[in-house]
Amino acid sequence: MKYGAIATFVLLISATLPAEANELNGSGAGDGFAIRSEPAQAAEHYYQFAQRTPAVPPEPECDVRAHGTGAWTDGDIIPSGSATASCTQKFKCDARPGKDERPNAACGFQVHHTDDIMRNGECRGKDCKTCVHDPIKDKCEWWVTKGK
């Protein structure tokens, strides 16, 4: 049984070696059980064959910008229902990292953005499809923080 395991191992090793390695000390009669004349080269070839990918992956790329800007998006108009035809309109900060600025999830970053805002104004028209108010001067921004 012991010799059968050794023969199997020799077969496996000789199958991975190049054809030139199957020569019997230069006789040219290769049959798979040949002894290679350069054992150091055979060991080097086997080592290259047996190498595996490292068990620990490389660290993720975490060098992203910490801040960026976005744009305000018009939201719902809420009429007051009073005779003055006043209204309130909600604006959402549409701000998130772009494709090149997106933080790697493995870095544990959390993305935040400026809170939504409400603007008071006056309805234009009886159906109040437009809420007229002062221009928005608040910045719409995103930023990242390191997660716990």
N, C-alpha and C. Protein backbone atom coordinates (compact mmCIF):
# COMPACT_ATOMS: atom_id res chain seq x y z
N MET A 1 0.82 -1.20 0.00
CA MET A 1 0.00 0.00 0.00
C MET A 1 0.86 1.26 0.00
N LYS A 2 1.95 1.23 0.78
CA LYS A 2 2.84 2.37 0.87
C LYS A 2 3.47 2.67 -0.48
N TYR A 3 3.89 1.59 -1.21
CA TYR A 3 4.54 1.79 -2.51
C TYR A 3 3.54 2.27 -3.56
N GLY A 4 2.26 1.88 -3.43
CA GLY A 4 1.23 2.34 -4.37
C GLY A 4 1.02 3.85 -4.25
N ALA A 5 1.04 4.37 -3.04
CA ALA A 5 0.88 5.81 -2.83
C ALA A 5 2.06 6.58 -3.41
N ILE A 6 3.27 6.03 -3.25
CA ILE A 6 4.46 6.68 -3.80
C ILE A 6 4.41 6.69 -5.32
N ALA A 7 4.00 5.58 -5.91
CA ALA A 7 3.89 5.50 -7.37
C ALA A 7 2.85 6.49 -7.89
N THR A 8 1.74 6.64 -7.20
CA THR A 8 0.71 7.60 -7.60
C THR A 8 1.26 9.03 -7.54
N PHE A 9 2.02 9.35 -6.49
CA PHE A 9 2.59 10.67 -6.35
C PHE A 9 3.58 10.96 -7.49
N VAL A 10 4.42 9.96 -7.82
CA VAL A 10 5.39 10.13 -8.90
C VAL A 10 4.66 10.35 -10.22
N LEU A 11 3.56 9.63 -10.45
CA LEU A 11 2.77 9.81 -11.67
C LEU A 11 2.22 11.23 -11.75
N LEU A 12 1.69 11.73 -10.63
CA LEU A 12 1.13 13.09 -10.61
C LEU A 12 2.20 14.13 -10.90
N ILE A 13 3.36 13.99 -10.29
CA ILE A 13 4.44 14.95 -10.49
C ILE A 13 4.93 14.90 -11.93
N SER A 14 5.14 13.70 -12.46
CA SER A 14 5.67 13.60 -13.82
C SER A 14 4.67 14.09 -14.85
N ALA A 15 3.37 14.03 -14.55
CA ALA A 15 2.36 14.53 -15.49
C ALA A 15 2.40 16.04 -15.58
N THR A 16 2.85 16.73 -14.52
CA THR A 16 2.89 18.19 -14.53
C THR A 16 4.18 18.74 -15.12
N LEU A 17 5.18 17.89 -15.32
CA LEU A 17 6.46 18.36 -15.84
C LEU A 17 6.43 18.43 -17.36
N PRO A 18 7.27 19.29 -17.96
CA PRO A 18 7.33 19.35 -19.42
C PRO A 18 7.84 18.03 -20.00
N ALA A 19 7.61 17.83 -21.31
CA ALA A 19 7.96 16.56 -21.96
C ALA A 19 9.45 16.27 -21.84
N GLU A 20 10.31 17.32 -21.87
CA GLU A 20 11.74 17.10 -21.80
C GLU A 20 12.15 16.47 -20.46
N ALA A 21 11.34 16.67 -19.43
CA ALA A 21 11.70 16.17 -18.11
C ALA A 21 11.49 14.67 -18.00
N ASN A 22 10.82 14.03 -18.93
CA ASN A 22 10.53 12.61 -18.85
C ASN A 22 11.62 11.74 -19.49
N GLU A 23 12.82 12.27 -19.61
CA GLU A 23 13.91 11.49 -20.16
C GLU A 23 14.62 10.73 -19.04
N LEU A 24 15.05 9.52 -19.32
CA LEU A 24 15.77 8.74 -18.33
C LEU A 24 17.25 9.08 -18.40
N ASN A 25 17.64 10.10 -17.66
CA ASN A 25 19.03 10.53 -17.61
C ASN A 25 19.65 10.67 -18.99
N GLY A 26 18.91 11.25 -19.92
CA GLY A 26 19.44 11.52 -21.25
C GLY A 26 19.28 10.37 -22.23
N SER A 27 18.63 9.24 -21.87
CA SER A 27 18.52 8.12 -22.79
C SER A 27 17.46 8.36 -23.85
N GLY A 28 16.50 9.27 -23.58
CA GLY A 28 15.46 9.57 -24.57
C GLY A 28 14.28 8.64 -24.48
N ALA A 29 14.27 7.64 -23.63
CA ALA A 29 13.15 6.71 -23.53
C ALA A 29 12.27 7.13 -22.37
N GLY A 30 11.39 8.09 -22.58
CA GLY A 30 10.53 8.58 -21.51
C GLY A 30 9.26 7.76 -21.41
N ASP A 31 8.93 7.30 -20.17
CA ASP A 31 7.71 6.51 -20.00
C ASP A 31 6.86 7.02 -18.84
N GLY A 32 7.13 8.22 -18.35
CA GLY A 32 6.34 8.76 -17.25
C GLY A 32 6.94 8.48 -15.89
N PHE A 33 7.79 7.48 -15.76
CA PHE A 33 8.42 7.16 -14.49
C PHE A 33 9.87 7.62 -14.45
N ALA A 34 10.24 8.53 -15.31
CA ALA A 34 11.64 8.94 -15.44
C ALA A 34 12.11 9.74 -14.24
N ILE A 35 13.38 9.66 -14.00
CA ILE A 35 14.01 10.46 -12.94
C ILE A 35 14.68 11.63 -13.64
N ARG A 36 14.34 12.81 -13.24
CA ARG A 36 14.88 14.00 -13.88
C ARG A 36 16.30 14.25 -13.41
N SER A 37 17.13 14.65 -14.35
CA SER A 37 18.52 14.87 -14.00
C SER A 37 18.72 16.17 -13.24
N GLU A 38 17.78 17.13 -13.33
CA GLU A 38 17.91 18.40 -12.61
C GLU A 38 16.78 18.52 -11.59
N PRO A 39 16.93 17.92 -10.40
CA PRO A 39 15.86 17.94 -9.41
C PRO A 39 15.52 19.35 -8.92
N ALA A 40 16.48 20.26 -8.96
CA ALA A 40 16.20 21.63 -8.50
C ALA A 40 15.20 22.31 -9.42
N GLN A 41 15.34 22.10 -10.75
CA GLN A 41 14.38 22.71 -11.69
C GLN A 41 13.01 22.07 -11.55
N ALA A 42 12.96 20.77 -11.30
CA ALA A 42 11.67 20.10 -11.12
C ALA A 42 10.97 20.63 -9.88
N ALA A 43 11.71 20.84 -8.81
CA ALA A 43 11.12 21.37 -7.58
C ALA A 43 10.61 22.79 -7.79
N GLU A 44 11.36 23.58 -8.57
CA GLU A 44 10.93 24.95 -8.86
C GLU A 44 9.64 24.95 -9.68
N HIS A 45 9.57 24.06 -10.67
CA HIS A 45 8.36 23.96 -11.49
C HIS A 45 7.16 23.55 -10.64
N TYR A 46 7.36 22.59 -9.77
CA TYR A 46 6.26 22.13 -8.91
C TYR A 46 5.82 23.25 -7.98
N TYR A 47 6.77 24.02 -7.45
CA TYR A 47 6.43 25.13 -6.55
C TYR A 47 5.57 26.16 -7.28
N GLN A 48 5.94 26.50 -8.53
CA GLN A 48 5.14 27.45 -9.31
C GLN A 48 3.75 26.89 -9.56
N PHE A 49 3.65 25.60 -9.83
CA PHE A 49 2.37 24.96 -10.10
C PHE A 49 1.48 24.97 -8.86
N ALA A 50 2.11 24.81 -7.68
CA ALA A 50 1.35 24.67 -6.44
C ALA A 50 1.00 26.00 -5.79
N GLN A 51 1.50 27.13 -6.31
CA GLN A 51 1.21 28.42 -5.69
C GLN A 51 -0.28 28.74 -5.77
N ARG A 52 -0.80 29.36 -4.75
CA ARG A 52 -2.22 29.73 -4.70
C ARG A 52 -2.34 31.23 -4.38
N THR A 53 -3.53 31.74 -4.62
CA THR A 53 -3.80 33.15 -4.30
C THR A 53 -3.68 33.35 -2.79
N PRO A 54 -3.23 34.51 -2.34
CA PRO A 54 -3.14 34.72 -0.89
C PRO A 54 -4.51 34.64 -0.23
N ALA A 55 -4.54 34.14 0.98
CA ALA A 55 -5.80 33.99 1.71
C ALA A 55 -6.37 35.34 2.13
N VAL A 56 -5.52 36.34 2.36
CA VAL A 56 -5.98 37.65 2.81
C VAL A 56 -6.05 38.59 1.61
N PRO A 57 -7.26 39.10 1.28
CA PRO A 57 -7.36 40.02 0.14
C PRO A 57 -6.71 41.36 0.44
N PRO A 58 -6.31 42.10 -0.59
CA PRO A 58 -5.71 43.42 -0.34
C PRO A 58 -6.73 44.39 0.26
N GLU A 59 -6.25 45.41 0.95
CA GLU A 59 -7.14 46.39 1.56
C GLU A 59 -7.88 47.18 0.49
N PRO A 60 -9.15 47.53 0.73
CA PRO A 60 -9.91 48.28 -0.28
C PRO A 60 -9.40 49.71 -0.43
N GLU A 61 -9.70 50.31 -1.59
CA GLU A 61 -9.34 51.71 -1.83
C GLU A 61 -10.35 52.59 -1.08
N CYS A 62 -9.89 53.29 -0.06
CA CYS A 62 -10.79 54.08 0.76
C CYS A 62 -10.54 55.58 0.65
N ASP A 63 -9.70 56.01 -0.27
CA ASP A 63 -9.36 57.43 -0.38
C ASP A 63 -10.34 58.16 -1.30
N VAL A 64 -11.55 58.37 -0.81
CA VAL A 64 -12.55 59.10 -1.58
C VAL A 64 -12.68 60.51 -1.03
N ARG A 65 -13.25 61.41 -1.84
CA ARG A 65 -13.48 62.77 -1.35
C ARG A 65 -14.48 62.73 -0.21
N ALA A 66 -14.30 63.60 0.76
CA ALA A 66 -15.19 63.59 1.93
C ALA A 66 -16.47 64.39 1.69
N HIS A 67 -16.46 65.33 0.74
CA HIS A 67 -17.63 66.18 0.50
C HIS A 67 -17.91 66.32 -0.99
N GLY A 68 -19.14 66.66 -1.28
CA GLY A 68 -19.55 66.95 -2.66
C GLY A 68 -20.85 67.73 -2.64
N THR A 69 -21.27 68.21 -3.78
CA THR A 69 -22.50 69.00 -3.84
C THR A 69 -23.54 68.27 -4.68
N GLY A 70 -24.78 68.68 -4.50
CA GLY A 70 -25.91 68.13 -5.25
C GLY A 70 -26.82 69.24 -5.69
N ALA A 71 -28.07 68.89 -5.98
CA ALA A 71 -29.05 69.88 -6.45
C ALA A 71 -30.37 69.67 -5.71
N TRP A 72 -31.08 70.76 -5.51
CA TRP A 72 -32.39 70.67 -4.87
C TRP A 72 -33.42 70.21 -5.89
N THR A 73 -34.26 69.29 -5.49
CA THR A 73 -35.32 68.77 -6.35
C THR A 73 -36.67 69.23 -5.81
N ASP A 74 -37.51 69.78 -6.71
CA ASP A 74 -38.84 70.25 -6.29
C ASP A 74 -39.66 69.10 -5.73
N GLY A 75 -40.35 69.37 -4.64
CA GLY A 75 -41.22 68.37 -4.03
C GLY A 75 -42.66 68.83 -4.04
N ASP A 76 -43.46 68.23 -3.18
CA ASP A 76 -44.91 68.51 -3.12
C ASP A 76 -45.19 69.96 -2.73
N ILE A 77 -46.27 70.49 -3.32
CA ILE A 77 -46.77 71.82 -2.95
C ILE A 77 -47.99 71.61 -2.07
N ILE A 78 -47.98 72.24 -0.90
CA ILE A 78 -49.09 72.08 0.03
C ILE A 78 -49.79 73.43 0.17
N PRO A 79 -50.98 73.60 -0.45
CA PRO A 79 -51.72 74.87 -0.29
C PRO A 79 -52.24 75.00 1.14
N SER A 80 -52.31 76.25 1.64
CA SER A 80 -52.77 76.45 3.01
C SER A 80 -54.29 76.38 3.11
N GLY A 81 -54.97 76.63 1.98
CA GLY A 81 -56.43 76.60 2.00
C GLY A 81 -57.05 77.89 2.49
N SER A 82 -56.23 78.88 2.78
CA SER A 82 -56.77 80.15 3.28
C SER A 82 -57.06 81.08 2.10
N ALA A 83 -57.66 82.19 2.38
CA ALA A 83 -58.02 83.18 1.36
C ALA A 83 -56.78 83.85 0.79
N THR A 84 -55.67 83.81 1.50
CA THR A 84 -54.45 84.46 1.01
C THR A 84 -53.73 83.61 -0.04
N ALA A 85 -54.14 82.38 -0.24
CA ALA A 85 -53.55 81.45 -1.21
C ALA A 85 -52.07 81.24 -0.95
N SER A 86 -51.71 81.14 0.31
CA SER A 86 -50.31 80.84 0.63
C SER A 86 -50.08 79.32 0.48
N CYS A 87 -48.80 78.96 0.36
CA CYS A 87 -48.47 77.55 0.16
C CYS A 87 -47.10 77.24 0.76
N THR A 88 -46.84 75.97 0.90
CA THR A 88 -45.55 75.49 1.37
C THR A 88 -45.07 74.44 0.38
N GLN A 89 -43.79 74.50 0.02
CA GLN A 89 -43.24 73.52 -0.91
C GLN A 89 -42.02 72.84 -0.29
N LYS A 90 -41.97 71.53 -0.46
CA LYS A 90 -40.87 70.74 0.09
C LYS A 90 -39.81 70.55 -0.99
N PHE A 91 -38.54 70.66 -0.60
CA PHE A 91 -37.42 70.44 -1.52
C PHE A 91 -36.51 69.36 -0.95
N LYS A 92 -36.13 68.44 -1.80
CA LYS A 92 -35.25 67.34 -1.40
C LYS A 92 -33.85 67.60 -1.92
N CYS A 93 -32.86 67.35 -1.07
CA CYS A 93 -31.46 67.49 -1.47
C CYS A 93 -31.05 66.20 -2.19
N ASP A 94 -30.93 66.30 -3.51
CA ASP A 94 -30.54 65.15 -4.31
C ASP A 94 -29.01 65.16 -4.42
N ALA A 95 -28.35 64.56 -3.43
CA ALA A 95 -26.89 64.63 -3.36
C ALA A 95 -26.34 63.29 -2.93
N ARG A 96 -25.53 62.70 -3.78
CA ARG A 96 -24.87 61.43 -3.44
C ARG A 96 -23.60 61.33 -4.29
N PRO A 97 -22.64 60.57 -3.82
CA PRO A 97 -21.39 60.45 -4.57
C PRO A 97 -21.63 59.90 -5.98
N GLY A 98 -20.85 60.42 -6.93
CA GLY A 98 -20.92 59.91 -8.29
C GLY A 98 -20.15 58.61 -8.42
N LYS A 99 -20.06 58.11 -9.63
CA LYS A 99 -19.42 56.82 -9.89
C LYS A 99 -17.97 56.80 -9.41
N ASP A 100 -17.22 57.84 -9.72
CA ASP A 100 -15.80 57.87 -9.36
C ASP A 100 -15.56 58.24 -7.89
N GLU A 101 -16.57 58.83 -7.24
CA GLU A 101 -16.38 59.28 -5.86
C GLU A 101 -17.00 58.32 -4.85
N ARG A 102 -17.66 57.26 -5.35
CA ARG A 102 -18.41 56.37 -4.46
C ARG A 102 -17.47 55.63 -3.51
N PRO A 103 -17.73 55.71 -2.20
CA PRO A 103 -16.86 55.02 -1.26
C PRO A 103 -17.09 53.51 -1.30
N ASN A 104 -16.03 52.75 -1.12
CA ASN A 104 -16.12 51.30 -1.10
C ASN A 104 -16.86 50.87 0.16
N ALA A 105 -17.83 49.98 0.01
CA ALA A 105 -18.62 49.52 1.15
C ALA A 105 -17.74 48.85 2.20
N ALA A 106 -16.67 48.21 1.76
CA ALA A 106 -15.77 47.53 2.70
C ALA A 106 -15.05 48.52 3.61
N CYS A 107 -15.02 49.79 3.24
CA CYS A 107 -14.36 50.80 4.08
C CYS A 107 -15.24 51.20 5.26
N GLY A 108 -16.50 50.82 5.25
CA GLY A 108 -17.39 51.16 6.36
C GLY A 108 -17.88 52.59 6.34
N PHE A 109 -17.88 53.25 5.16
CA PHE A 109 -18.37 54.62 5.08
C PHE A 109 -19.89 54.67 5.11
N GLN A 110 -20.41 55.77 5.64
CA GLN A 110 -21.83 56.06 5.57
C GLN A 110 -21.98 57.39 4.85
N VAL A 111 -22.92 57.46 3.89
CA VAL A 111 -23.12 58.68 3.11
C VAL A 111 -24.29 59.46 3.70
N HIS A 112 -24.10 60.75 3.89
CA HIS A 112 -25.14 61.63 4.42
C HIS A 112 -25.38 62.76 3.44
N HIS A 113 -26.53 63.43 3.56
CA HIS A 113 -26.79 64.61 2.72
C HIS A 113 -27.56 65.64 3.52
N THR A 114 -27.59 66.85 3.00
CA THR A 114 -28.30 67.96 3.65
C THR A 114 -29.78 67.59 3.79
N ASP A 115 -30.37 67.96 4.92
CA ASP A 115 -31.78 67.65 5.16
C ASP A 115 -32.68 68.36 4.16
N ASP A 116 -33.86 67.77 3.94
CA ASP A 116 -34.88 68.41 3.10
C ASP A 116 -35.29 69.74 3.73
N ILE A 117 -35.75 70.66 2.89
CA ILE A 117 -36.19 71.97 3.41
C ILE A 117 -37.62 72.25 2.95
N MET A 118 -38.28 73.15 3.67
CA MET A 118 -39.64 73.62 3.32
C MET A 118 -39.55 75.11 3.05
N ARG A 119 -40.24 75.55 1.99
CA ARG A 119 -40.27 76.98 1.67
C ARG A 119 -41.72 77.46 1.63
N ASN A 120 -41.98 78.57 2.31
CA ASN A 120 -43.32 79.18 2.30
C ASN A 120 -43.40 80.17 1.15
N GLY A 121 -44.53 80.18 0.45
CA GLY A 121 -44.71 81.10 -0.67
C GLY A 121 -46.18 81.36 -0.94
N GLU A 122 -46.44 81.85 -2.14
CA GLU A 122 -47.80 82.17 -2.57
C GLU A 122 -48.15 81.33 -3.79
N CYS A 123 -49.37 80.82 -3.81
CA CYS A 123 -49.82 80.03 -4.95
C CYS A 123 -49.94 80.91 -6.19
N ARG A 124 -49.50 80.38 -7.32
CA ARG A 124 -49.73 81.06 -8.60
C ARG A 124 -50.84 80.29 -9.30
N GLY A 125 -51.98 80.95 -9.46
CA GLY A 125 -53.14 80.31 -10.08
C GLY A 125 -54.01 79.63 -9.03
N LYS A 126 -55.31 79.43 -9.42
CA LYS A 126 -56.27 78.84 -8.47
C LYS A 126 -55.95 77.38 -8.17
N ASP A 127 -55.36 76.67 -9.14
CA ASP A 127 -55.05 75.26 -8.90
C ASP A 127 -53.76 75.07 -8.09
N CYS A 128 -53.00 76.15 -7.87
CA CYS A 128 -51.77 76.16 -7.06
C CYS A 128 -50.76 75.12 -7.55
N LYS A 129 -50.50 75.14 -8.86
CA LYS A 129 -49.49 74.23 -9.43
C LYS A 129 -48.07 74.76 -9.21
N THR A 130 -47.95 76.06 -8.90
CA THR A 130 -46.64 76.66 -8.64
C THR A 130 -46.70 77.42 -7.33
N CYS A 131 -45.69 77.20 -6.50
CA CYS A 131 -45.59 77.91 -5.23
C CYS A 131 -44.43 78.89 -5.36
N VAL A 132 -44.74 80.19 -5.42
CA VAL A 132 -43.72 81.21 -5.64
C VAL A 132 -43.12 81.61 -4.29
N HIS A 133 -41.80 81.55 -4.22
CA HIS A 133 -41.10 81.87 -2.96
C HIS A 133 -39.72 82.39 -3.30
N ASP A 134 -39.00 82.81 -2.28
CA ASP A 134 -37.63 83.31 -2.49
C ASP A 134 -36.74 82.18 -3.01
N PRO A 135 -35.73 82.52 -3.81
CA PRO A 135 -34.81 81.49 -4.31
C PRO A 135 -34.11 80.78 -3.15
N ILE A 136 -33.80 79.53 -3.36
CA ILE A 136 -33.10 78.73 -2.34
C ILE A 136 -31.62 79.09 -2.35
N LYS A 137 -31.13 79.46 -1.17
CA LYS A 137 -29.70 79.79 -1.05
C LYS A 137 -28.95 78.73 -0.24
N ASP A 138 -29.71 77.80 0.35
CA ASP A 138 -29.08 76.74 1.14
C ASP A 138 -28.29 75.80 0.23
N LYS A 139 -27.16 75.34 0.71
CA LYS A 139 -26.35 74.39 -0.07
C LYS A 139 -26.91 72.98 0.07
N CYS A 140 -26.89 72.27 -1.04
CA CYS A 140 -27.27 70.85 -1.05
C CYS A 140 -25.96 70.07 -1.17
N GLU A 141 -25.57 69.37 -0.10
CA GLU A 141 -24.27 68.70 -0.06
C GLU A 141 -24.38 67.25 0.42
N TRP A 142 -23.39 66.46 0.03
CA TRP A 142 -23.24 65.12 0.61
C TRP A 142 -21.86 65.05 1.26
N TRP A 143 -21.74 64.15 2.21
CA TRP A 143 -20.46 63.92 2.86
C TRP A 143 -20.44 62.48 3.40
N VAL A 144 -19.27 62.00 3.67
CA VAL A 144 -19.14 60.63 4.18
C VAL A 144 -18.52 60.64 5.56
N THR A 145 -18.93 59.68 6.37
CA THR A 145 -18.30 59.48 7.67
C THR A 145 -17.91 58.01 7.78
N LYS A 146 -16.90 57.78 8.57
CA LYS A 146 -16.42 56.41 8.76
C LYS A 146 -17.37 55.70 9.70
N GLY A 147 -17.85 54.52 9.29
CA GLY A 147 -18.75 53.73 10.13
C GLY A 147 -18.05 53.17 11.34
N LYS A 148 -18.82 52.63 12.25
CA LYS A 148 -18.25 52.08 13.49
C LYS A 148 -17.60 50.73 13.23
